[in-house]
C-alpha atoms as a PDB file:
ATOM      1  CA  MET A   1      46.240 -54.852  38.780  1.00  0.00           C
ATOM      2  CA  THR A   2      44.048 -52.135  38.802  1.00  0.00           C
ATOM      3  CA  VAL A   3      45.953 -49.851  36.560  1.00  0.00           C
ATOM      4  CA  VAL A   4      46.038 -52.689  33.938  1.00  0.00           C
ATOM      5  CA  VAL A   5      42.488 -53.244  33.962  1.00  0.00           C
ATOM      6  CA  ILE A   6      41.882 -49.541  33.535  1.00  0.00           C
ATOM      7  CA  LEU A   7      44.042 -49.628  30.625  1.00  0.00           C
ATOM      8  CA  ILE A   8      42.301 -52.364  29.016  1.00  0.00           C
ATOM      9  CA  ILE A   9      39.015 -50.806  29.568  1.00  0.00           C
ATOM     10  CA  ALA A  10      40.323 -47.806  27.826  1.00  0.00           C
ATOM     11  CA  LEU A  11      41.736 -49.371  24.848  1.00  0.00           C
ATOM     12  CA  ALA A  12      38.498 -51.239  24.272  1.00  0.00           C
ATOM     13  CA  ILE A  13      36.434 -48.111  24.543  1.00  0.00           C
ATOM     14  CA  ILE A  14      38.843 -46.436  22.001  1.00  0.00           C
ATOM     15  CA  LEU A  15      38.638 -49.489  19.837  1.00  0.00           C
ATOM     16  CA  LEU A  16      34.946 -49.441  19.797  1.00  0.00           C
ATOM     17  CA  ALA A  17      34.640 -45.783  19.092  1.00  0.00           C
ATOM     18  CA  ALA A  18      37.089 -46.239  16.186  1.00  0.00           C
ATOM     19  CA  VAL A  19      35.032 -49.045  14.776  1.00  0.00           C
ATOM     20  CA  ALA A  20      31.958 -47.078  15.126  1.00  0.00           C
ATOM     21  CA  SER A  21      33.382 -44.064  13.566  1.00  0.00           C
ATOM     22  CA  ALA A  22      34.734 -46.330  10.735  1.00  0.00           C
ATOM     23  CA  VAL A  23      31.282 -47.883   9.861  1.00  0.00           C
ATOM     24  CA  LYS A  24      28.987 -45.423   8.025  1.00  0.00           C
ATOM     25  CA  ILE A  25      25.394 -46.185   6.501  1.00  0.00           C
ATOM     26  CA  VAL A  26      24.158 -43.910   3.561  1.00  0.00           C
ATOM     27  CA  ARG A  27      20.459 -43.948   3.078  1.00  0.00           C
ATOM     28  CA  PRO A  28      19.056 -44.135  -0.403  1.00  0.00           C
ATOM     29  CA  TYR A  29      18.212 -40.470  -0.606  1.00  0.00           C
ATOM     30  CA  GLN A  30      21.489 -39.400   0.772  1.00  0.00           C
ATOM     31  CA  ARG A  31      25.249 -39.109  -0.716  1.00  0.00           C
ATOM     32  CA  GLY A  32      28.172 -39.544   1.447  1.00  0.00           C
ATOM     33  CA  LEU A  33      30.823 -36.752   0.835  1.00  0.00           C
ATOM     34  CA  VAL A  34      34.231 -38.367   2.166  1.00  0.00           C
ATOM     35  CA  GLU A  35      37.207 -35.781   3.051  1.00  0.00           C
ATOM     36  CA  ARG A  36      40.869 -37.225   4.257  1.00  0.00           C
ATOM     37  CA  LEU A  37      42.675 -34.872   6.542  1.00  0.00           C
ATOM     38  CA  GLY A  38      40.181 -32.084   5.190  1.00  0.00           C
ATOM     39  CA  LYS A  39      40.744 -32.926   1.416  1.00  0.00           C
ATOM     40  CA  TYR A  40      37.897 -34.078  -0.680  1.00  0.00           C
ATOM     41  CA  LYS A  41      38.519 -37.812  -1.372  1.00  0.00           C
ATOM     42  CA  ASP A  42      35.294 -39.550  -2.645  1.00  0.00           C
ATOM     43  CA  THR A  43      31.427 -39.517  -2.930  1.00  0.00           C
ATOM     44  CA  LYS A  44      29.844 -42.687  -1.473  1.00  0.00           C
ATOM     45  CA  THR A  45      26.644 -44.019  -2.699  1.00  0.00           C
ATOM     46  CA  PRO A  46      23.676 -45.481  -0.506  1.00  0.00           C
ATOM     47  CA  GLY A  47      24.474 -48.378   1.552  1.00  0.00           C
ATOM     48  CA  LEU A  48      27.079 -49.718   4.253  1.00  0.00           C
ATOM     49  CA  GLN A  49      30.477 -47.745   3.789  1.00  0.00           C
ATOM     50  CA  LEU A  50      33.941 -48.018   5.777  1.00  0.00           C
ATOM     51  CA  ILE A  51      36.241 -45.027   6.287  1.00  0.00           C
ATOM     52  CA  VAL A  52      39.447 -44.716   8.125  1.00  0.00           C
ATOM     53  CA  PRO A  53      38.566 -43.503  11.580  1.00  0.00           C
ATOM     54  CA  PHE A  54      40.104 -40.256  12.841  1.00  0.00           C
ATOM     55  CA  ILE A  55      41.649 -39.714   9.320  1.00  0.00           C
ATOM     56  CA  GLU A  56      38.688 -39.621   7.173  1.00  0.00           C
ATOM     57  CA  THR A  57      35.122 -38.001   7.808  1.00  0.00           C
ATOM     58  CA  MET A  58      31.805 -38.348   5.977  1.00  0.00           C
ATOM     59  CA  GLN A  59      29.366 -35.567   5.266  1.00  0.00           C
ATOM     60  CA  LEU A  60      25.586 -36.805   4.158  1.00  0.00           C
ATOM     61  CA  ILE A  61      23.994 -34.713   1.672  1.00  0.00           C
ATOM     62  CA  ASP A  62      20.322 -35.070   1.256  1.00  0.00           C
ATOM     63  CA  MET A  63      19.497 -35.452  -2.296  1.00  0.00           C
ATOM     64  CA  ARG A  64      15.640 -35.032  -2.105  1.00  0.00           C
ATOM     65  CA  GLU A  65      13.561 -32.054  -3.416  1.00  0.00           C
ATOM     66  CA  GLN A  66      13.687 -29.260  -0.975  1.00  0.00           C
ATOM     67  CA  VAL A  67      11.599 -25.931  -0.571  1.00  0.00           C
ATOM     68  CA  VAL A  68      12.865 -22.516   0.183  1.00  0.00           C
ATOM     69  CA  ASP A  69      10.135 -19.895   1.359  1.00  0.00           C
ATOM     70  CA  VAL A  70      11.060 -16.533   0.059  1.00  0.00           C
ATOM     71  CA  PRO A  71       9.764 -14.029   2.462  1.00  0.00           C
ATOM     72  CA  PRO A  72       7.380 -10.862   1.411  1.00  0.00           C
ATOM     73  CA  GLN A  73       8.975  -7.865  -0.079  1.00  0.00           C
ATOM     74  CA  GLU A  74       7.650  -4.734  -1.471  1.00  0.00           C
ATOM     75  CA  VAL A  75       7.746  -4.258  -5.266  1.00  0.00           C
ATOM     76  CA  ILE A  76       7.100  -1.162  -7.272  1.00  0.00           C
ATOM     77  CA  THR A  77       5.295  -2.037 -10.644  1.00  0.00           C
ATOM     78  CA  ALA A  78       5.595  -0.337 -13.900  1.00  0.00           C
ATOM     79  CA  ASP A  79       2.661   1.793 -13.173  1.00  0.00           C
ATOM     80  CA  ASN A  80       4.109   2.855  -9.599  1.00  0.00           C
ATOM     81  CA  VAL A  81       2.101   0.448  -7.591  1.00  0.00           C
ATOM     82  CA  VAL A  82       3.709  -0.848  -4.564  1.00  0.00           C
ATOM     83  CA  VAL A  83       2.761  -4.478  -3.836  1.00  0.00           C
ATOM     84  CA  SER A  84       3.557  -7.128  -1.461  1.00  0.00           C
ATOM     85  CA  VAL A  85       5.175 -10.389  -3.279  1.00  0.00           C
ATOM     86  CA  ASP A  86       6.454 -13.636  -1.811  1.00  0.00           C
ATOM     87  CA  ALA A  87       7.173 -16.737  -3.523  1.00  0.00           C
ATOM     88  CA  VAL A  88       8.554 -20.561  -2.805  1.00  0.00           C
ATOM     89  CA  VAL A  89      11.308 -22.218  -4.679  1.00  0.00           C
ATOM     90  CA  TYR A  90      11.518 -25.954  -5.144  1.00  0.00           C
ATOM     91  CA  TYR A  91      14.979 -27.330  -5.824  1.00  0.00           C
ATOM     92  CA  GLU A  92      16.905 -30.452  -5.531  1.00  0.00           C
ATOM     93  CA  ALA A  93      20.723 -31.018  -5.417  1.00  0.00           C
ATOM     94  CA  THR A  94      22.222 -32.672  -8.290  1.00  0.00           C
ATOM     95  CA  ASP A  95      26.243 -32.621  -7.381  1.00  0.00           C
ATOM     96  CA  PRO A  96      26.782 -32.897  -3.755  1.00  0.00           C
ATOM     97  CA  GLN A  97      30.462 -31.799  -3.974  1.00  0.00           C
ATOM     98  CA  ARG A  98      29.528 -28.421  -5.795  1.00  0.00           C
ATOM     99  CA  LEU A  99      26.801 -27.934  -3.275  1.00  0.00           C
ATOM    100  CA  VAL A 100      29.051 -28.173  -0.315  1.00  0.00           C
ATOM    101  CA  TYR A 101      32.156 -26.461  -1.924  1.00  0.00           C
ATOM    102  CA  ASN A 102      30.662 -23.691  -4.150  1.00  0.00           C
ATOM    103  CA  VAL A 103      28.458 -21.965  -1.761  1.00  0.00           C
ATOM    104  CA  ALA A 104      28.707 -21.162   1.811  1.00  0.00           C
ATOM    105  CA  ASP A 105      25.257 -20.752   2.761  1.00  0.00           C
ATOM    106  CA  PHE A 106      22.751 -21.993   0.125  1.00  0.00           C
ATOM    107  CA  PHE A 107      19.437 -21.166   1.588  1.00  0.00           C
ATOM    108  CA  THR A 108      20.376 -17.575   1.977  1.00  0.00           C
ATOM    109  CA  ALA A 109      22.002 -17.302  -1.289  1.00  0.00           C
ATOM    110  CA  ILE A 110      18.835 -18.786  -3.067  1.00  0.00           C
ATOM    111  CA  THR A 111      16.473 -16.671  -1.086  1.00  0.00           C
ATOM    112  CA  LYS A 112      18.195 -13.396  -1.840  1.00  0.00           C
ATOM    113  CA  LEU A 113      18.705 -14.449  -5.760  1.00  0.00           C
ATOM    114  CA  ALA A 114      14.841 -15.149  -5.826  1.00  0.00           C
ATOM    115  CA  GLN A 115      13.829 -11.911  -4.070  1.00  0.00           C
ATOM    116  CA  THR A 116      16.042  -9.775  -6.609  1.00  0.00           C
ATOM    117  CA  ASN A 117      14.841 -11.387  -9.731  1.00  0.00           C
ATOM    118  CA  LEU A 118      11.310 -11.459  -8.443  1.00  0.00           C
ATOM    119  CA  ARG A 119      11.724  -7.619  -8.015  1.00  0.00           C
ATOM    120  CA  ASN A 120      13.038  -7.186 -11.398  1.00  0.00           C
ATOM    121  CA  LEU A 121      10.295  -9.185 -13.091  1.00  0.00           C
ATOM    122  CA  ILE A 122       7.517  -7.380 -11.520  1.00  0.00           C
ATOM    123  CA  GLY A 123       8.956  -4.057 -11.869  1.00  0.00           C
ATOM    124  CA  ASP A 124       8.735  -4.331 -15.571  1.00  0.00           C
ATOM    125  CA  LEU A 125       5.011  -5.182 -15.455  1.00  0.00           C
ATOM    126  CA  GLU A 126       1.821  -3.258 -14.618  1.00  0.00           C
ATOM    127  CA  LEU A 127      -0.187  -4.203 -11.743  1.00  0.00           C
ATOM    128  CA  ASP A 128      -3.173  -5.634 -13.962  1.00  0.00           C
ATOM    129  CA  ARG A 129      -0.648  -7.871 -15.879  1.00  0.00           C
ATOM    130  CA  ALA A 130       1.219  -8.764 -12.890  1.00  0.00           C
ATOM    131  CA  LEU A 131      -2.026  -9.936 -11.176  1.00  0.00           C
ATOM    132  CA  THR A 132      -3.067 -12.114 -14.407  1.00  0.00           C
ATOM    133  CA  SER A 133       0.442 -13.294 -15.745  1.00  0.00           C
ATOM    134  CA  ARG A 134       1.750 -15.574 -12.442  1.00  0.00           C
ATOM    135  CA  ASP A 135       2.584 -18.330 -14.784  1.00  0.00           C
ATOM    136  CA  THR A 136       4.605 -16.257 -17.036  1.00  0.00           C
ATOM    137  CA  ILE A 137       6.393 -14.752 -14.106  1.00  0.00           C
ATOM    138  CA  ASN A 138       6.852 -18.379 -12.410  1.00  0.00           C
ATOM    139  CA  THR A 139       8.396 -19.869 -15.580  1.00  0.00           C
ATOM    140  CA  GLN A 140      10.795 -16.784 -16.165  1.00  0.00           C
ATOM    141  CA  LEU A 141      11.784 -16.847 -12.561  1.00  0.00           C
ATOM    142  CA  ARG A 142      12.710 -20.709 -12.507  1.00  0.00           C
ATOM    143  CA  GLU A 143      14.779 -20.195 -15.628  1.00  0.00           C
ATOM    144  CA  VAL A 144      16.826 -17.377 -13.924  1.00  0.00           C
ATOM    145  CA  LEU A 145      17.303 -19.272 -10.816  1.00  0.00           C
ATOM    146  CA  ASP A 146      18.113 -22.567 -12.620  1.00  0.00           C
ATOM    147  CA  ASP A 147      20.685 -20.730 -14.674  1.00  0.00           C
ATOM    148  CA  ALA A 148      22.344 -19.091 -11.494  1.00  0.00           C
ATOM    149  CA  THR A 149      22.342 -22.167  -9.270  1.00  0.00           C
ATOM    150  CA  ASP A 150      23.834 -24.592 -11.801  1.00  0.00           C
ATOM    151  CA  LYS A 151      27.208 -24.015 -10.564  1.00  0.00           C
ATOM    152  CA  TRP A 152      26.109 -24.737  -6.798  1.00  0.00           C
ATOM    153  CA  GLY A 153      25.032 -28.135  -7.812  1.00  0.00           C
ATOM    154  CA  VAL A 154      21.266 -27.560  -7.750  1.00  0.00           C
ATOM    155  CA  ARG A 155      18.490 -27.672 -10.132  1.00  0.00           C
ATOM    156  CA  VAL A 156      15.564 -25.415  -9.578  1.00  0.00           C
ATOM    157  CA  VAL A 157      12.380 -27.625 -10.136  1.00  0.00           C
ATOM    158  CA  ARG A 158       9.899 -24.801 -10.148  1.00  0.00           C
ATOM    159  CA  VAL A 159       8.744 -21.561  -8.783  1.00  0.00           C
ATOM    160  CA  GLU A 160       5.442 -20.538  -7.379  1.00  0.00           C
ATOM    161  CA  ILE A 161       4.154 -16.935  -6.531  1.00  0.00           C
ATOM    162  CA  GLN A 162       2.049 -17.303  -3.309  1.00  0.00           C
ATOM    163  CA  ARG A 163       0.673 -13.650  -3.238  1.00  0.00           C
ATOM    164  CA  ILE A 164       0.493 -10.284  -4.796  1.00  0.00           C
ATOM    165  CA  ASP A 165      -1.078  -7.981  -2.577  1.00  0.00           C
ATOM    166  CA  PRO A 166      -1.788  -4.312  -3.634  1.00  0.00           C
ATOM    167  CA  PRO A 167      -2.424  -1.610  -1.236  1.00  0.00           C
ATOM    168  CA  PRO A 168      -5.833  -1.170   0.362  1.00  0.00           C
ATOM    169  CA  GLU A 169      -6.965   1.700  -1.671  1.00  0.00           C
ATOM    170  CA  VAL A 170      -5.918  -0.008  -5.016  1.00  0.00           C
ATOM    171  CA  VAL A 171      -7.852  -3.066  -3.722  1.00  0.00           C
ATOM    172  CA  SER A 172     -11.015  -0.684  -2.974  1.00  0.00           C
ATOM    173  CA  ALA A 173     -10.557   0.784  -6.403  1.00  0.00           C
ATOM    174  CA  MET A 174     -10.450  -2.692  -7.995  1.00  0.00           C
ATOM    175  CA  HIS A 175     -13.439  -3.987  -6.208  1.00  0.00           C
ATOM    176  CA  ALA A 176     -15.402  -0.828  -7.478  1.00  0.00           C
ATOM    177  CA  GLN A 177     -14.078  -1.579 -10.876  1.00  0.00           C
ATOM    178  CA  MET A 178     -15.087  -5.151 -10.685  1.00  0.00           C
ATOM    179  CA  ARG A 179     -18.427  -4.141  -9.302  1.00  0.00           C
ATOM    180  CA  ALA A 180     -18.832  -1.770 -12.321  1.00  0.00           C
ATOM    181  CA  GLU A 181     -17.670  -4.347 -14.772  1.00  0.00           C
ATOM    182  CA  ARG A 182     -20.243  -6.780 -13.294  1.00  0.00           C
ATOM    183  CA  ASP A 183     -23.102  -4.256 -13.622  1.00  0.00           C
ATOM    184  CA  ARG A 184     -22.297  -3.538 -16.977  1.00  0.00           C
ATOM    185  CA  ARG A 185     -22.183  -7.183 -17.974  1.00  0.00           C
ATOM    186  CA  ALA A 186     -25.450  -7.703 -16.061  1.00  0.00           C
ATOM    187  CA  THR A 187     -26.879  -4.831 -18.139  1.00  0.00           C
ATOM    188  CA  VAL A 188     -25.494  -6.093 -21.461  1.00  0.00           C
ATOM    189  CA  THR A 189     -26.699  -9.626 -20.540  1.00  0.00           C
ATOM    190  CA  GLU A 190     -30.198  -8.336 -19.866  1.00  0.00           C
ATOM    191  CA  ALA A 191     -30.307  -6.249 -23.038  1.00  0.00           C
ATOM    192  CA  GLN A 192     -29.341  -9.206 -24.965  1.00  0.00           C
ATOM    193  CA  GLY A 193     -32.010 -11.351 -23.366  1.00  0.00           C
ATOM    194  CA  TYR A 194     -34.621  -8.669 -24.213  1.00  0.00           C
ATOM    195  CA  ARG A 195     -33.244  -8.612 -27.579  1.00  0.00           C
ATOM    196  CA  GLU A 196     -33.137 -12.357 -28.073  1.00  0.00           C
ATOM    197  CA  ALA A 197     -36.827 -12.449 -26.606  1.00  0.00           C
ATOM    198  CA  ALA A 198     -38.072  -9.649 -28.925  1.00  0.00           C
ATOM    199  CA  ILE A 199     -36.446 -11.664 -31.985  1.00  0.00           C
ATOM    200  CA  ALA A 200     -37.958 -14.759 -30.832  1.00  0.00           C
ATOM    201  CA  ARG A 201     -41.470 -13.077 -30.554  1.00  0.00           C
ATOM    202  CA  ALA A 202     -41.183 -11.508 -34.027  1.00  0.00           C
ATOM    203  CA  ASP A 203     -40.115 -14.717 -35.436  1.00  0.00           C
ATOM    204  CA  GLY A 204     -42.822 -16.506 -33.844  1.00  0.00           C
ATOM    205  CA  GLU A 205     -45.201 -14.024 -35.085  1.00  0.00           C
ATOM    206  CA  LYS A 206     -43.820 -14.062 -38.559  1.00  0.00           C
ATOM    207  CA  GLN A 207     -44.096 -17.840 -38.633  1.00  0.00           C
ATOM    208  CA  SER A 208     -47.717 -17.677 -37.146  1.00  0.00           C
ATOM    209  CA  ALA A 209     -48.551 -15.285 -39.905  1.00  0.00           C
ATOM    210  CA  VAL A 210     -46.927 -17.477 -42.546  1.00  0.00           C
ATOM    211  CA  LEU A 211     -48.655 -20.618 -41.413  1.00  0.00           C
ATOM    212  CA  ALA A 212     -52.003 -18.652 -41.278  1.00  0.00           C
ATOM    213  CA  ALA A 213     -51.665 -17.485 -44.729  1.00  0.00           C
ATOM    214  CA  GLU A 214     -50.460 -20.880 -45.962  1.00  0.00           C
ATOM    215  CA  GLY A 215     -53.643 -22.261 -44.146  1.00  0.00           C
ATOM    216  CA  ARG A 216     -55.951 -19.489 -45.885  1.00  0.00           C
ATOM    217  CA  LYS A 217     -54.016 -20.539 -49.128  1.00  0.00           C
ATOM    218  CA  GLU A 218     -54.844 -24.314 -48.742  1.00  0.00           C
ATOM    219  CA  SER A 219     -58.354 -23.599 -47.445  1.00  0.00           C
ATOM    220  CA  ALA A 220     -59.043 -21.509 -50.780  1.00  0.00           C
ATOM    221  CA  ILE A 221     -57.561 -23.995 -52.775  1.00  0.00           C
ATOM    222  CA  LEU A 222     -59.494 -26.720 -51.393  1.00  0.00           C
ATOM    223  CA  ASP A 223     -62.749 -24.598 -51.644  1.00  0.00           C
ATOM    224  CA  ALA A 224     -61.820 -23.797 -55.394  1.00  0.00           C
ATOM    225  CA  GLN A 225     -61.238 -27.631 -55.754  1.00  0.00           C
ATOM    226  CA  GLY A 226     -64.393 -28.375 -54.037  1.00  0.00           C
ATOM    227  CA  ASP A 227     -66.328 -25.936 -55.977  1.00  0.00           C
ATOM    228  CA  ALA A 228     -64.797 -27.135 -59.469  1.00  0.00           C
ATOM    229  CA  GLN A 229     -65.592 -30.714 -58.582  1.00  0.00           C
ATOM    230  CA  ALA A 230     -69.120 -29.677 -57.604  1.00  0.00           C
ATOM    231  CA  ILE A 231     -69.703 -27.881 -60.930  1.00  0.00           C
ATOM    232  CA  GLU A 232     -68.179 -30.826 -62.858  1.00  0.00           C
ATOM    233  CA  LEU A 233     -70.500 -33.118 -61.039  1.00  0.00           C
ATOM    234  CA  ARG A 234     -73.549 -30.761 -61.772  1.00  0.00           C
ATOM    235  CA  ALA A 235     -72.408 -30.443 -65.226  1.00  0.00           C
ATOM    236  CA  LYS A 236     -72.225 -34.398 -65.558  1.00  0.00           C
ATOM    237  CA  ALA A 237     -75.647 -34.722 -63.770  1.00  0.00           C
ATOM    238  CA  GLU A 238     -77.225 -31.905 -66.083  1.00  0.00           C
ATOM    239  CA  LYS A 239     -75.779 -33.736 -69.107  1.00  0.00           C
ATOM    240  CA  LEU A 240     -76.935 -37.203 -67.918  1.00  0.00           C
ATOM    241  CA  ARG A 241     -80.555 -35.447 -67.472  1.00  0.00           C
ATOM    242  CA  LEU A 242     -80.598 -33.920 -70.729  1.00  0.00           C
ATOM    243  CA  GLN A 243     -79.437 -37.175 -72.272  1.00  0.00           C
ATOM    244  CA  PHE A 244     -82.166 -39.161 -70.557  1.00  0.00           C
ATOM    245  CA  VAL A 245     -84.901 -36.482 -71.352  1.00  0.00           C
ATOM    246  CA  GLY A 246     -83.692 -36.389 -75.047  1.00  0.00           C
ATOM    247  CA  GLU A 247     -83.662 -40.027 -74.985  1.00  0.00           C
ATOM    248  CA  GLY A 248     -87.319 -40.240 -73.504  1.00  0.00           C
ATOM    249  CA  GLU A 249     -88.605 -37.311 -75.920  1.00  0.00           C
ATOM    250  CA  GLY A 250     -86.939 -39.294 -78.851  1.00  0.00           C
ATOM    251  CA  ASP A 251     -88.416 -42.581 -77.770  1.00  0.00           C
ATOM    252  CA  ALA A 252     -91.768 -40.771 -77.191  1.00  0.00           C
ATOM    253  CA  ALA A 253     -91.703 -39.121 -80.652  1.00  0.00           C
ATOM    254  CA  LYS A 254     -90.798 -42.418 -82.298  1.00  0.00           C
ATOM    255  CA  ALA A 255     -93.648 -44.165 -80.728  1.00  0.00           C
ATOM    256  CA  ARG A 256     -95.933 -41.456 -81.855  1.00  0.00           C
ATOM    257  CA  LEU A 257     -94.624 -41.637 -85.509  1.00  0.00           C
ATOM    258  CA  ILE A 258     -95.048 -45.344 -85.178  1.00  0.00           C
ATOM    259  CA  GLY A 259     -98.553 -44.737 -84.028  1.00  0.00           C
ATOM    260  CA  ILE A 260     -99.209 -42.308 -86.846  1.00  0.00           C
ATOM    261  CA  LYS A 261     -97.725 -44.765 -89.388  1.00  0.00           C
ATOM    262  CA  GLU A 262     -99.844 -47.655 -88.060  1.00  0.00           C
ATOM    263  CA  ALA A 263    -102.932 -45.259 -88.219  1.00  0.00           C
ATOM    264  CA  ASN A 264    -102.129 -44.574 -92.161  1.00  0.00           C
ATOM    265  CA  ALA A 265    -102.307 -40.899 -91.496  1.00  0.00           C
ATOM    266  CA  ASP A 266    -102.113 -38.672 -94.616  1.00  0.00           C
ATOM    267  CA  LYS A 267     -99.353 -36.448 -95.630  1.00  0.00           C
ATOM    268  CA  ASN A 268    -100.805 -33.357 -94.017  1.00  0.00           C
ATOM    269  CA  VAL A 269    -100.788 -34.864 -90.637  1.00  0.00           C
ATOM    270  CA  LEU A 270     -97.129 -35.966 -90.997  1.00  0.00           C
ATOM    271  CA  THR A 271     -96.180 -32.663 -92.118  1.00  0.00           C
ATOM    272  CA  VAL A 272     -97.904 -31.207 -88.909  1.00  0.00           C
ATOM    273  CA  GLU A 273     -96.123 -33.753 -86.663  1.00  0.00           C
ATOM    274  CA  TYR A 274     -92.833 -32.719 -88.430  1.00  0.00           C
ATOM    275  CA  LEU A 275     -93.236 -29.124 -87.531  1.00  0.00           C
ATOM    276  CA  ALA A 276     -93.953 -29.939 -84.071  1.00  0.00           C
ATOM    277  CA  ALA A 277     -90.793 -31.914 -83.991  1.00  0.00           C
ATOM    278  CA  LEU A 278     -88.925 -29.101 -85.456  1.00  0.00           C
ATOM    279  CA  GLU A 279     -90.428 -26.802 -82.629  1.00  0.00           C
ATOM    280  CA  ARG A 280     -89.098 -29.050 -80.088  1.00  0.00           C
ATOM    281  CA  ILE A 281     -85.825 -29.341 -81.661  1.00  0.00           C
ATOM    282  CA  GLY A 282     -85.461 -25.511 -81.754  1.00  0.00           C
ATOM    283  CA  ASP A 283     -86.561 -24.926 -78.161  1.00  0.00           C
ATOM    284  CA  GLY A 284     -83.226 -23.685 -77.000  1.00  0.00           C
ATOM    285  CA  ARG A 285     -81.846 -26.865 -75.090  1.00  0.00           C
ATOM    286  CA  ALA A 286     -80.084 -28.466 -77.843  1.00  0.00           C
ATOM    287  CA  THR A 287     -76.740 -27.214 -78.758  1.00  0.00           C
ATOM    288  CA  LYS A 288     -76.959 -28.184 -82.451  1.00  0.00           C
ATOM    289  CA  LEU A 289     -79.716 -27.291 -84.871  1.00  0.00           C
ATOM    290  CA  VAL A 290     -80.518 -29.591 -87.744  1.00  0.00           C
ATOM    291  CA  ILE A 291     -82.077 -28.252 -90.987  1.00  0.00           C
ATOM    292  CA  PRO A 292     -83.402 -30.917 -93.044  1.00  0.00           C
ATOM    293  CA  THR A 293     -82.627 -31.147 -96.711  1.00  0.00           C
ATOM    294  CA  GLU A 294     -86.152 -31.187 -97.750  1.00  0.00           C
ATOM    295  CA  PHE A 295     -86.934 -28.144 -95.847  1.00  0.00           C
ATOM    296  CA  SER A 296     -88.087 -26.070 -99.151  1.00  0.00           C
ATOM    297  CA  GLY A 297     -90.588 -29.077-100.121  1.00  0.00           C
ATOM    298  CA  LEU A 298     -91.731 -28.915 -96.519  1.00  0.00           C
ATOM    299  CA  LEU A 299     -92.448 -25.068 -96.816  1.00  0.00           C
ATOM    300  CA  GLY A 300     -94.514 -25.838 -99.965  1.00  0.00           C
ATOM    301  CA  THR A 301     -96.624 -28.447 -98.139  1.00  0.00           C
ATOM    302  CA  VAL A 302     -97.239 -26.082 -95.193  1.00  0.00           C
ATOM    303  CA  SER A 303     -98.312 -23.345 -97.721  1.00  0.00           C
ATOM    304  CA  ALA A 304    -100.731 -26.053 -99.472  1.00  0.00           C
ATOM    305  CA  ILE A 305    -102.089 -26.745 -96.143  1.00  0.00           C
ATOM    306  CA  THR A 306    -102.685 -23.128 -95.008  1.00  0.00           C
ATOM    307  CA  GLU A 307    -104.502 -22.592 -98.358  1.00  0.00           C
ATOM    308  CA  ALA A 308    -106.479 -25.595 -97.695  1.00  0.00           C
ATOM    309  CA  ILE A 309    -107.501 -24.562 -94.239  1.00  0.00           C
ATOM    310  CA  ARG A 310    -108.200 -20.835 -95.113  1.00  0.00           C
ATOM    311  CA  PRO A 311    -111.974 -19.816 -95.013  1.00  0.00           C
ATOM    312  CA  ASP A 312    -113.536 -18.547 -98.158  1.00  0.00           C
ATOM    313  CA  ASP A 313    -114.272 -14.765 -98.295  1.00  0.00           C
ATOM    314  CA  SER A 314    -116.518 -13.616-101.109  1.00  0.00           C
ATOM    315  CA  THR A 315    -115.631  -9.953-100.152  1.00  0.00           C
ATOM    316  CA  ASP A 316    -112.049 -10.190-101.285  1.00  0.00           C
ATOM    317  CA  ALA A 317    -113.083 -11.218-104.803  1.00  0.00           C
ATOM    318  CA  VAL A 318    -112.272  -7.651-105.966  1.00  0.00           C
ATOM    319  CA  ARG A 319    -109.319  -6.018-104.423  1.00  0.00           C
ATOM    320  CA  PRO A 320    -107.827  -2.485-105.145  1.00  0.00           C
ATOM    321  CA  LYS A 321    -104.145  -1.894-105.859  1.00  0.00           C
ATOM    322  CA  ASP A 322    -102.184  -1.006-102.860  1.00  0.00           C
ATOM    323  CA  GLY A 323    -103.047   2.334-101.499  1.00  0.00           C
ATOM    324  CA  LEU A 324    -106.280   2.844-103.336  1.00  0.00           C
ATOM    325  CA  PRO A 325    -109.506   2.789-101.628  1.00  0.00           C
ATOM    326  CA  ILE A 326    -112.196   0.251-102.320  1.00  0.00           C
ATOM    327  CA  PRO A 327    -114.707   1.226-104.867  1.00  0.00           C
ATOM    328  CA  ASP A 328    -118.593   1.388-104.103  1.00  0.00           C
ATOM    329  CA  PRO A 329    -120.850  -1.403-105.709  1.00  0.00           C
ATOM    330  CA  VAL A 330    -122.170   1.014-108.241  1.00  0.00           C
ATOM    331  CA  GLU A 331    -118.629   2.265-109.291  1.00  0.00           C
ATOM    332  CA  ARG A 332    -117.507  -1.363-109.943  1.00  0.00           C
ATOM    333  CA  VAL A 333    -116.671  -2.665-113.544  1.00  0.00           C
ATOM    334  CA  ASP A 334    -117.184  -6.177-114.541  1.00  0.00           C
ATOM    335  CA  LEU A 335    -114.387  -7.293-116.468  1.00  0.00           C
ATOM    336  CA  PRO A 336    -114.818  -9.700-119.431  1.00  0.00           C
ATOM    337  CA  PRO A 337    -114.012 -13.237-118.602  1.00  0.00           C
ATOM    338  CA  GLU A 338    -110.779 -14.510-119.943  1.00  0.00           C
ATOM    339  CA  ALA A 339    -110.695 -16.610-122.904  1.00  0.00           C
END
């Protein structure tokens, strides 16, 4: 009985082990590579999968994106500067069958491939360009690795250069160059500031001078306009004054003439008044001089008045001719009276 029980227990254990080895669970990010008696049979998708125990085996392949750290290496640039370069490579499996059967050690293979191509790319560049062209190097290296790993069932997603470390003496020289460049930029910036400040001051002075000139011009124009208006107002006032004075004098003369007329003055008085009126007309304040049409008759009247008011001088009865002396009384000759 004891032997039978032991056999039953052994068979149960073997059966449980067979069932456990036959049931496989494939996760969503995995693929199951099934081999039967050492030969590839099928690739299982995520979920519960069953295989033949002891005859078939399943290898789970991770399909998620993986990262490979490329160790630092020394690279000589085109200008003979030794730099230390390292990088990281991101990849993902696309075909688990080729990933398992086409490459024995994928991590070592992709690491060496990345180092070799990185050395070639950096070696074709000078140090300054290598330090400033990381994006270009990353793109070119990713394209090379993607083409090389395609037969391994892997797609290279991206490549990133981590560090490019020049030698210490080159770093010191670069720092000195950077300081010199900064000093130069500071000097240029300061000079440009002085230049812009000088231009701004000159522009301000120019605008100030222009504004001052315009102010003086407008002031002169306003002064001239004020003087012109003042002259015009004074001229109008003088014109009104002369007009009023003339009207007053005319009214006065008219009243005088009316008075003379009412007093029944003779012709001689009227002539004297007429001459006085002419004197007032020609006193220089009038802009026009009116000569009456009866001026010749007026002159005759004046002559008559003059003769009338001249005193009688008997000594002038006898007058010699021009240029001759007056004769003595004894020398005078009486002329016969005229018939």
